Amino acid sequence: MNQTEDAYPIEYEFMFEDGSSKSFTIRLDPETISILHPRPEAPPPWTRLENEQCPICPLDSQEHPYCPIAVNIAELVDAFKESFSYDNCVVCCNTPERSCSKETSVQEGLFSLLGIIMATSDCPVMGLFKPMARFHLPFATIQESMVRTTAFYLLRQYFAYKRGTPPDLEMKELDAHYGRVQKVNRGILDRIGSVSAKDADRNAIIILNSLAQLFNVEFEDNLTSVEYLFTQDAMDRG
């Protein structure tokens, strides 16, 4: 595949108050939704699989010497290791369909960017979120992320039903999956903790982990925070 012509690109640009900027482009395989990222000849030691390997990671270090997520975020971690999470900037996200920008903090921009990379790095736990990465929504709120995640999961169940597999309409597996996601987030946080001098990228991971925890709470409450949108009265008014 010609990565330049055929890949699906998602570009993030961080523009700082001092006039400097940093740009990162993620290219996704249009069929597998895996990140197309040339692996450095000598990845940093902290990216080795056995370094703070997640306890639930099924990968074998003989076949996979490096953590797939760690290798793909290494450039990002190095670029922001001197940044504070509260540093102001303007973040622009460009995809083939649209462009959007927001005046925000470094950590919110990294939160969006890290979420894409983690979903598309072929981590056995995070692959469930690949379709969401393909239809990326920058700067999504907690409620937007909740609705998108459940909607994408139920769409997955529809296609499973069409293939003859019993669908998980109660989303029990999604609830359990978010428990595993939390463990991956903590593992990545432990990895970058020894690298970053400041806190921007670490706080972005913490936000991702907090989001996973909130999903667990929401599922326990049967998604009551958004249920009102789908009552008969609300639909009739629409």
C-alpha atoms as a PDB file:
ATOM      1  CA  MET A   1       0.000   0.000   0.000  1.00  0.00           C
ATOM      2  CA  ASN A   2       1.147   3.484  -0.805  1.00  0.00           C
ATOM      3  CA  GLN A   3       0.822   5.062   2.626  1.00  0.00           C
ATOM      4  CA  THR A   4       0.713   8.604   1.287  1.00  0.00           C
ATOM      5  CA  GLU A   5      -2.031   8.068  -1.290  1.00  0.00           C
ATOM      6  CA  ASP A   6      -4.199   5.344   0.249  1.00  0.00           C
ATOM      7  CA  ALA A   7      -4.027   5.933   3.997  1.00  0.00           C
ATOM      8  CA  TYR A   8      -6.697   7.798   5.940  1.00  0.00           C
ATOM      9  CA  PRO A   9      -4.932  10.787   7.570  1.00  0.00           C
ATOM     10  CA  ILE A  10      -5.776  12.516  10.843  1.00  0.00           C
ATOM     11  CA  GLU A  11      -3.599  15.549  11.569  1.00  0.00           C
ATOM     12  CA  TYR A  12      -3.265  17.372  14.866  1.00  0.00           C
ATOM     13  CA  GLU A  13      -1.452  20.691  15.177  1.00  0.00           C
ATOM     14  CA  PHE A  14      -0.682  22.350  18.504  1.00  0.00           C
ATOM     15  CA  MET A  15      -0.048  26.102  18.254  1.00  0.00           C
ATOM     16  CA  PHE A  16       1.406  27.731  21.360  1.00  0.00           C
ATOM     17  CA  GLU A  17       1.291  31.272  22.718  1.00  0.00           C
ATOM     18  CA  ASP A  18       4.997  31.795  22.007  1.00  0.00           C
ATOM     19  CA  GLY A  19       4.393  31.248  18.273  1.00  0.00           C
ATOM     20  CA  SER A  20       5.800  27.722  18.142  1.00  0.00           C
ATOM     21  CA  SER A  21       3.833  24.725  16.945  1.00  0.00           C
ATOM     22  CA  LYS A  22       3.955  20.932  16.839  1.00  0.00           C
ATOM     23  CA  SER A  23       2.240  18.771  14.227  1.00  0.00           C
ATOM     24  CA  PHE A  24       1.451  15.059  14.244  1.00  0.00           C
ATOM     25  CA  THR A  25      -0.185  13.092  11.446  1.00  0.00           C
ATOM     26  CA  ILE A  26      -1.700   9.674  12.003  1.00  0.00           C
ATOM     27  CA  ARG A  27      -2.288   7.559   8.919  1.00  0.00           C
ATOM     28  CA  LEU A  28      -4.695   4.660   9.148  1.00  0.00           C
ATOM     29  CA  ASP A  29      -4.959   1.637   6.908  1.00  0.00           C
ATOM     30  CA  PRO A  30      -8.390   2.128   5.263  1.00  0.00           C
ATOM     31  CA  GLU A  31      -9.260  -1.569   5.609  1.00  0.00           C
ATOM     32  CA  THR A  32      -7.812  -2.653   8.957  1.00  0.00           C
ATOM     33  CA  ILE A  33      -7.952   0.800  10.664  1.00  0.00           C
ATOM     34  CA  SER A  34      -4.482   0.054  12.045  1.00  0.00           C
ATOM     35  CA  ILE A  35      -2.016   2.891  12.366  1.00  0.00           C
ATOM     36  CA  LEU A  36       0.602   3.033   9.619  1.00  0.00           C
ATOM     37  CA  HIS A  37       3.636   4.232  11.471  1.00  0.00           C
ATOM     38  CA  PRO A  38       7.235   3.476  10.509  1.00  0.00           C
ATOM     39  CA  ARG A  39       8.840   1.890  13.555  1.00  0.00           C
ATOM     40  CA  PRO A  40      12.108   3.574  14.596  1.00  0.00           C
ATOM     41  CA  GLU A  41      15.238   1.495  14.156  1.00  0.00           C
ATOM     42  CA  ALA A  42      15.973   1.727  17.872  1.00  0.00           C
ATOM     43  CA  PRO A  43      12.774   2.331  19.903  1.00  0.00           C
ATOM     44  CA  PRO A  44      13.435   3.780  23.376  1.00  0.00           C
ATOM     45  CA  PRO A  45      13.953   1.190  26.150  1.00  0.00           C
ATOM     46  CA  TRP A  46      10.738   2.140  27.979  1.00  0.00           C
ATOM     47  CA  THR A  47       8.713   0.863  25.002  1.00  0.00           C
ATOM     48  CA  ARG A  48       9.905  -2.734  25.414  1.00  0.00           C
ATOM     49  CA  LEU A  49       6.979  -5.039  26.114  1.00  0.00           C
ATOM     50  CA  GLU A  50       8.437  -6.416  29.339  1.00  0.00           C
ATOM     51  CA  ASN A  51       8.907  -2.920  30.789  1.00  0.00           C
ATOM     52  CA  GLU A  52       5.784  -2.363  32.938  1.00  0.00           C
ATOM     53  CA  GLN A  53       3.876  -4.871  30.781  1.00  0.00           C
ATOM     54  CA  CYS A  54       0.156  -4.726  31.491  1.00  0.00           C
ATOM     55  CA  PRO A  55      -0.873  -7.692  33.673  1.00  0.00           C
ATOM     56  CA  ILE A  56      -3.626  -8.628  31.195  1.00  0.00           C
ATOM     57  CA  CYS A  57      -1.432  -8.303  28.087  1.00  0.00           C
ATOM     58  CA  PRO A  58      -1.563 -11.557  26.070  1.00  0.00           C
ATOM     59  CA  LEU A  59       1.431 -10.693  23.878  1.00  0.00           C
ATOM     60  CA  ASP A  60       4.648 -12.723  24.022  1.00  0.00           C
ATOM     61  CA  SER A  61       7.846 -10.684  24.203  1.00  0.00           C
ATOM     62  CA  GLN A  62       9.581 -13.184  21.913  1.00  0.00           C
ATOM     63  CA  GLU A  63       7.161 -12.376  19.102  1.00  0.00           C
ATOM     64  CA  HIS A  64       6.418  -8.786  20.145  1.00  0.00           C
ATOM     65  CA  PRO A  65       9.511  -7.275  21.775  1.00  0.00           C
ATOM     66  CA  TYR A  66       7.872  -3.847  21.992  1.00  0.00           C
ATOM     67  CA  CYS A  67       4.506  -2.689  23.299  1.00  0.00           C
ATOM     68  CA  PRO A  68       2.562  -1.642  20.185  1.00  0.00           C
ATOM     69  CA  ILE A  69       1.001   1.370  21.907  1.00  0.00           C
ATOM     70  CA  ALA A  70       4.240   2.519  23.522  1.00  0.00           C
ATOM     71  CA  VAL A  71       6.126   2.450  20.213  1.00  0.00           C
ATOM     72  CA  ASN A  72       3.457   4.550  18.515  1.00  0.00           C
ATOM     73  CA  ILE A  73       3.225   7.173  21.270  1.00  0.00           C
ATOM     74  CA  ALA A  74       6.988   7.432  21.810  1.00  0.00           C
ATOM     75  CA  GLU A  75       7.367  10.428  19.490  1.00  0.00           C
ATOM     76  CA  LEU A  76       4.446  12.167  21.177  1.00  0.00           C
ATOM     77  CA  VAL A  77       5.787  11.532  24.676  1.00  0.00           C
ATOM     78  CA  ASP A  78       9.191  12.866  23.708  1.00  0.00           C
ATOM     79  CA  ALA A  79       7.681  15.974  22.103  1.00  0.00           C
ATOM     80  CA  PHE A  80       5.584  16.877  25.161  1.00  0.00           C
ATOM     81  CA  LYS A  81       7.760  15.651  28.017  1.00  0.00           C
ATOM     82  CA  GLU A  82       8.550  19.258  28.958  1.00  0.00           C
ATOM     83  CA  SER A  83       4.969  20.509  28.703  1.00  0.00           C
ATOM     84  CA  PHE A  84       2.576  21.174  31.546  1.00  0.00           C
ATOM     85  CA  SER A  85      -0.984  19.939  31.143  1.00  0.00           C
ATOM     86  CA  TYR A  86      -2.419  23.404  31.740  1.00  0.00           C
ATOM     87  CA  ASP A  87      -0.313  25.147  29.059  1.00  0.00           C
ATOM     88  CA  ASN A  88      -2.611  27.087  26.725  1.00  0.00           C
ATOM     89  CA  CYS A  89      -2.647  26.403  23.006  1.00  0.00           C
ATOM     90  CA  VAL A  90      -4.856  26.206  19.956  1.00  0.00           C
ATOM     91  CA  VAL A  91      -5.334  22.656  18.706  1.00  0.00           C
ATOM     92  CA  CYS A  92      -6.430  22.011  15.125  1.00  0.00           C
ATOM     93  CA  CYS A  93      -7.612  18.630  13.898  1.00  0.00           C
ATOM     94  CA  ASN A  94      -7.789  17.998  10.163  1.00  0.00           C
ATOM     95  CA  THR A  95      -9.335  14.955   8.495  1.00  0.00           C
ATOM     96  CA  PRO A  96     -10.361  14.419   4.844  1.00  0.00           C
ATOM     97  CA  GLU A  97     -13.953  15.300   5.773  1.00  0.00           C
ATOM     98  CA  ARG A  98     -13.514  18.391   7.954  1.00  0.00           C
ATOM     99  CA  SER A  99     -11.290  20.616  10.062  1.00  0.00           C
ATOM    100  CA  CYS A 100     -11.954  21.898  13.560  1.00  0.00           C
ATOM    101  CA  SER A 101      -9.988  23.825  16.128  1.00  0.00           C
ATOM    102  CA  LYS A 102     -10.262  24.717  19.782  1.00  0.00           C
ATOM    103  CA  GLU A 103      -8.487  27.053  22.156  1.00  0.00           C
ATOM    104  CA  THR A 104      -7.735  24.694  24.990  1.00  0.00           C
ATOM    105  CA  SER A 105      -5.054  23.081  27.146  1.00  0.00           C
ATOM    106  CA  VAL A 106      -2.275  20.794  25.988  1.00  0.00           C
ATOM    107  CA  GLN A 107      -3.744  17.888  27.901  1.00  0.00           C
ATOM    108  CA  GLU A 108      -7.128  18.064  26.137  1.00  0.00           C
ATOM    109  CA  GLY A 109      -5.453  18.000  22.739  1.00  0.00           C
ATOM    110  CA  LEU A 110      -3.287  15.076  23.814  1.00  0.00           C
ATOM    111  CA  PHE A 111      -6.333  13.308  25.221  1.00  0.00           C
ATOM    112  CA  SER A 112      -7.897  13.241  21.740  1.00  0.00           C
ATOM    113  CA  LEU A 113      -4.676  12.338  19.971  1.00  0.00           C
ATOM    114  CA  LEU A 114      -3.618   9.600  22.391  1.00  0.00           C
ATOM    115  CA  GLY A 115      -7.071   8.063  22.185  1.00  0.00           C
ATOM    116  CA  ILE A 116      -6.699   7.558  18.430  1.00  0.00           C
ATOM    117  CA  ILE A 117      -3.205   6.098  18.706  1.00  0.00           C
ATOM    118  CA  MET A 118      -4.140   3.704  21.496  1.00  0.00           C
ATOM    119  CA  ALA A 119      -7.178   2.453  19.568  1.00  0.00           C
ATOM    120  CA  THR A 120      -5.304   1.821  16.302  1.00  0.00           C
ATOM    121  CA  SER A 121      -1.976   0.404  17.517  1.00  0.00           C
ATOM    122  CA  ASP A 122      -3.130  -3.237  17.367  1.00  0.00           C
ATOM    123  CA  CYS A 123      -3.153  -3.644  21.139  1.00  0.00           C
ATOM    124  CA  PRO A 124      -5.314  -6.759  21.729  1.00  0.00           C
ATOM    125  CA  VAL A 125      -7.383  -4.892  24.331  1.00  0.00           C
ATOM    126  CA  MET A 126      -7.868  -1.548  22.597  1.00  0.00           C
ATOM    127  CA  GLY A 127      -8.817  -2.807  19.124  1.00  0.00           C
ATOM    128  CA  LEU A 128     -12.514  -2.636  19.986  1.00  0.00           C
ATOM    129  CA  PHE A 129     -12.313   1.138  19.495  1.00  0.00           C
ATOM    130  CA  LYS A 130     -10.898   1.095  15.957  1.00  0.00           C
ATOM    131  CA  PRO A 131     -14.220   2.008  14.257  1.00  0.00           C
ATOM    132  CA  MET A 132     -14.541   5.039  16.523  1.00  0.00           C
ATOM    133  CA  ALA A 133     -11.047   6.155  15.511  1.00  0.00           C
ATOM    134  CA  ARG A 134     -12.027   5.971  11.847  1.00  0.00           C
ATOM    135  CA  PHE A 135     -14.954   8.309  12.589  1.00  0.00           C
ATOM    136  CA  HIS A 136     -12.965  10.436  14.982  1.00  0.00           C
ATOM    137  CA  LEU A 137     -14.677  13.241  16.903  1.00  0.00           C
ATOM    138  CA  PRO A 138     -12.072  15.687  18.245  1.00  0.00           C
ATOM    139  CA  PHE A 139     -12.508  17.191  21.712  1.00  0.00           C
ATOM    140  CA  ALA A 140     -15.472  14.935  22.502  1.00  0.00           C
ATOM    141  CA  THR A 141     -17.177  15.507  25.841  1.00  0.00           C
ATOM    142  CA  ILE A 142     -17.713  12.678  28.304  1.00  0.00           C
ATOM    143  CA  GLN A 143     -21.356  12.376  27.282  1.00  0.00           C
ATOM    144  CA  GLU A 144     -20.506  12.430  23.575  1.00  0.00           C
ATOM    145  CA  SER A 145     -17.909   9.706  24.128  1.00  0.00           C
ATOM    146  CA  MET A 146     -20.410   7.632  26.079  1.00  0.00           C
ATOM    147  CA  VAL A 147     -23.050   7.865  23.357  1.00  0.00           C
ATOM    148  CA  ARG A 148     -20.538   7.147  20.592  1.00  0.00           C
ATOM    149  CA  THR A 149     -19.068   4.147  22.374  1.00  0.00           C
ATOM    150  CA  THR A 150     -22.395   2.504  23.115  1.00  0.00           C
ATOM    151  CA  ALA A 151     -23.743   3.265  19.629  1.00  0.00           C
ATOM    152  CA  PHE A 152     -20.677   1.787  17.936  1.00  0.00           C
ATOM    153  CA  TYR A 153     -20.803  -1.259  20.199  1.00  0.00           C
ATOM    154  CA  LEU A 154     -24.463  -1.885  19.416  1.00  0.00           C
ATOM    155  CA  LEU A 155     -23.731  -1.493  15.697  1.00  0.00           C
ATOM    156  CA  ARG A 156     -21.048  -4.155  16.149  1.00  0.00           C
ATOM    157  CA  GLN A 157     -23.683  -6.390  17.738  1.00  0.00           C
ATOM    158  CA  TYR A 158     -26.011  -5.821  14.785  1.00  0.00           C
ATOM    159  CA  PHE A 159     -23.365  -7.091  12.375  1.00  0.00           C
ATOM    160  CA  ALA A 160     -22.635 -10.007  14.733  1.00  0.00           C
ATOM    161  CA  TYR A 161     -26.366 -10.848  14.625  1.00  0.00           C
ATOM    162  CA  LYS A 162     -26.313 -10.768  10.807  1.00  0.00           C
ATOM    163  CA  ARG A 163     -23.438 -13.281  10.903  1.00  0.00           C
ATOM    164  CA  GLY A 164     -25.445 -15.580  13.165  1.00  0.00           C
ATOM    165  CA  THR A 165     -23.743 -14.701  16.458  1.00  0.00           C
ATOM    166  CA  PRO A 166     -25.975 -13.939  19.457  1.00  0.00           C
ATOM    167  CA  PRO A 167     -25.790 -10.152  20.020  1.00  0.00           C
ATOM    168  CA  ASP A 168     -24.819  -8.689  23.384  1.00  0.00           C
ATOM    169  CA  LEU A 169     -27.701  -6.224  23.605  1.00  0.00           C
ATOM    170  CA  GLU A 170     -27.264  -5.796  27.358  1.00  0.00           C
ATOM    171  CA  MET A 171     -23.666  -4.701  26.678  1.00  0.00           C
ATOM    172  CA  LYS A 172     -22.312  -6.858  29.473  1.00  0.00           C
ATOM    173  CA  GLU A 173     -19.125  -7.539  27.555  1.00  0.00           C
ATOM    174  CA  LEU A 174     -18.575  -3.834  26.908  1.00  0.00           C
ATOM    175  CA  ASP A 175     -18.804  -3.158  30.637  1.00  0.00           C
ATOM    176  CA  ALA A 176     -16.246  -5.896  31.315  1.00  0.00           C
ATOM    177  CA  HIS A 177     -14.067  -4.627  28.503  1.00  0.00           C
ATOM    178  CA  TYR A 178     -13.778  -1.203  30.083  1.00  0.00           C
ATOM    179  CA  GLY A 179     -12.353  -2.862  33.164  1.00  0.00           C
ATOM    180  CA  ARG A 180      -9.573  -4.224  30.967  1.00  0.00           C
ATOM    181  CA  VAL A 181      -9.125  -0.823  29.320  1.00  0.00           C
ATOM    182  CA  GLN A 182      -8.429   0.714  32.722  1.00  0.00           C
ATOM    183  CA  LYS A 183      -5.594  -1.772  33.235  1.00  0.00           C
ATOM    184  CA  VAL A 184      -4.069  -0.843  29.875  1.00  0.00           C
ATOM    185  CA  ASN A 185      -4.316   2.865  30.703  1.00  0.00           C
ATOM    186  CA  ARG A 186      -2.562   2.296  34.023  1.00  0.00           C
ATOM    187  CA  GLY A 187       0.126   0.259  32.292  1.00  0.00           C
ATOM    188  CA  ILE A 188       0.827   3.011  29.752  1.00  0.00           C
ATOM    189  CA  LEU A 189       0.829   5.582  32.553  1.00  0.00           C
ATOM    190  CA  ASP A 190       3.461   3.558  34.425  1.00  0.00           C
ATOM    191  CA  ARG A 191       5.562   3.374  31.274  1.00  0.00           C
ATOM    192  CA  ILE A 192       5.652   7.087  30.539  1.00  0.00           C
ATOM    193  CA  GLY A 193       5.978   8.072  34.195  1.00  0.00           C
ATOM    194  CA  SER A 194       9.728   7.556  34.072  1.00  0.00           C
ATOM    195  CA  VAL A 195      10.088   9.513  30.815  1.00  0.00           C
ATOM    196  CA  SER A 196       8.057  12.703  31.127  1.00  0.00           C
ATOM    197  CA  ALA A 197       9.604  15.437  33.211  1.00  0.00           C
ATOM    198  CA  LYS A 198       6.296  17.286  33.459  1.00  0.00           C
ATOM    199  CA  ASP A 199       2.690  16.202  33.292  1.00  0.00           C
ATOM    200  CA  ALA A 200       0.833  16.883  30.030  1.00  0.00           C
ATOM    201  CA  ASP A 201       0.899  13.418  28.507  1.00  0.00           C
ATOM    202  CA  ARG A 202       0.517  11.670  31.852  1.00  0.00           C
ATOM    203  CA  ASN A 203      -2.571  13.722  32.663  1.00  0.00           C
ATOM    204  CA  ALA A 204      -4.027  12.906  29.251  1.00  0.00           C
ATOM    205  CA  ILE A 205      -3.679   9.198  30.097  1.00  0.00           C
ATOM    206  CA  ILE A 206      -5.232   9.834  33.500  1.00  0.00           C
ATOM    207  CA  ILE A 207      -8.212  11.471  31.782  1.00  0.00           C
ATOM    208  CA  LEU A 208      -8.579   8.446  29.504  1.00  0.00           C
ATOM    209  CA  ASN A 209      -8.530   6.191  32.543  1.00  0.00           C
ATOM    210  CA  SER A 210     -11.070   8.354  34.366  1.00  0.00           C
ATOM    211  CA  LEU A 211     -13.308   8.158  31.307  1.00  0.00           C
ATOM    212  CA  ALA A 212     -13.108   4.352  31.409  1.00  0.00           C
ATOM    213  CA  GLN A 213     -14.063   4.423  35.092  1.00  0.00           C
ATOM    214  CA  LEU A 214     -17.024   6.687  34.338  1.00  0.00           C
ATOM    215  CA  PHE A 215     -18.220   4.253  31.692  1.00  0.00           C
ATOM    216  CA  ASN A 216     -18.254   1.468  34.270  1.00  0.00           C
ATOM    217  CA  VAL A 217     -20.352   3.628  36.600  1.00  0.00           C
ATOM    218  CA  GLU A 218     -22.726   4.554  33.785  1.00  0.00           C
ATOM    219  CA  PHE A 219     -23.257   0.942  32.792  1.00  0.00           C
ATOM    220  CA  GLU A 220     -24.022   0.061  36.391  1.00  0.00           C
ATOM    221  CA  ASP A 221     -26.649   2.833  36.346  1.00  0.00           C
ATOM    222  CA  ASN A 222     -28.043   1.578  33.012  1.00  0.00           C
ATOM    223  CA  LEU A 223     -26.945   4.731  31.173  1.00  0.00           C
ATOM    224  CA  THR A 224     -29.541   6.792  32.985  1.00  0.00           C
ATOM    225  CA  SER A 225     -27.685  10.049  32.263  1.00  0.00           C
ATOM    226  CA  VAL A 226     -28.708   9.851  28.579  1.00  0.00           C
ATOM    227  CA  GLU A 227     -31.878   7.795  28.845  1.00  0.00           C
ATOM    228  CA  TYR A 228     -34.063  10.905  28.866  1.00  0.00           C
ATOM    229  CA  LEU A 229     -33.075  11.569  25.241  1.00  0.00           C
ATOM    230  CA  PHE A 230     -34.773   8.365  24.135  1.00  0.00           C
ATOM    231  CA  THR A 231     -38.051   8.478  26.036  1.00  0.00           C
ATOM    232  CA  GLN A 232     -41.244   8.404  24.015  1.00  0.00           C
ATOM    233  CA  ASP A 233     -42.100  11.963  25.058  1.00  0.00           C
ATOM    234  CA  ALA A 234     -38.733  13.251  23.847  1.00  0.00           C
ATOM    235  CA  MET A 235     -39.124  11.463  20.500  1.00  0.00           C
ATOM    236  CA  ASP A 236     -42.682  12.713  20.105  1.00  0.00           C
ATOM    237  CA  ARG A 237     -41.539  16.288  20.701  1.00  0.00           C
ATOM    238  CA  GLY A 238     -38.860  15.775  18.067  1.00  0.00           C
END
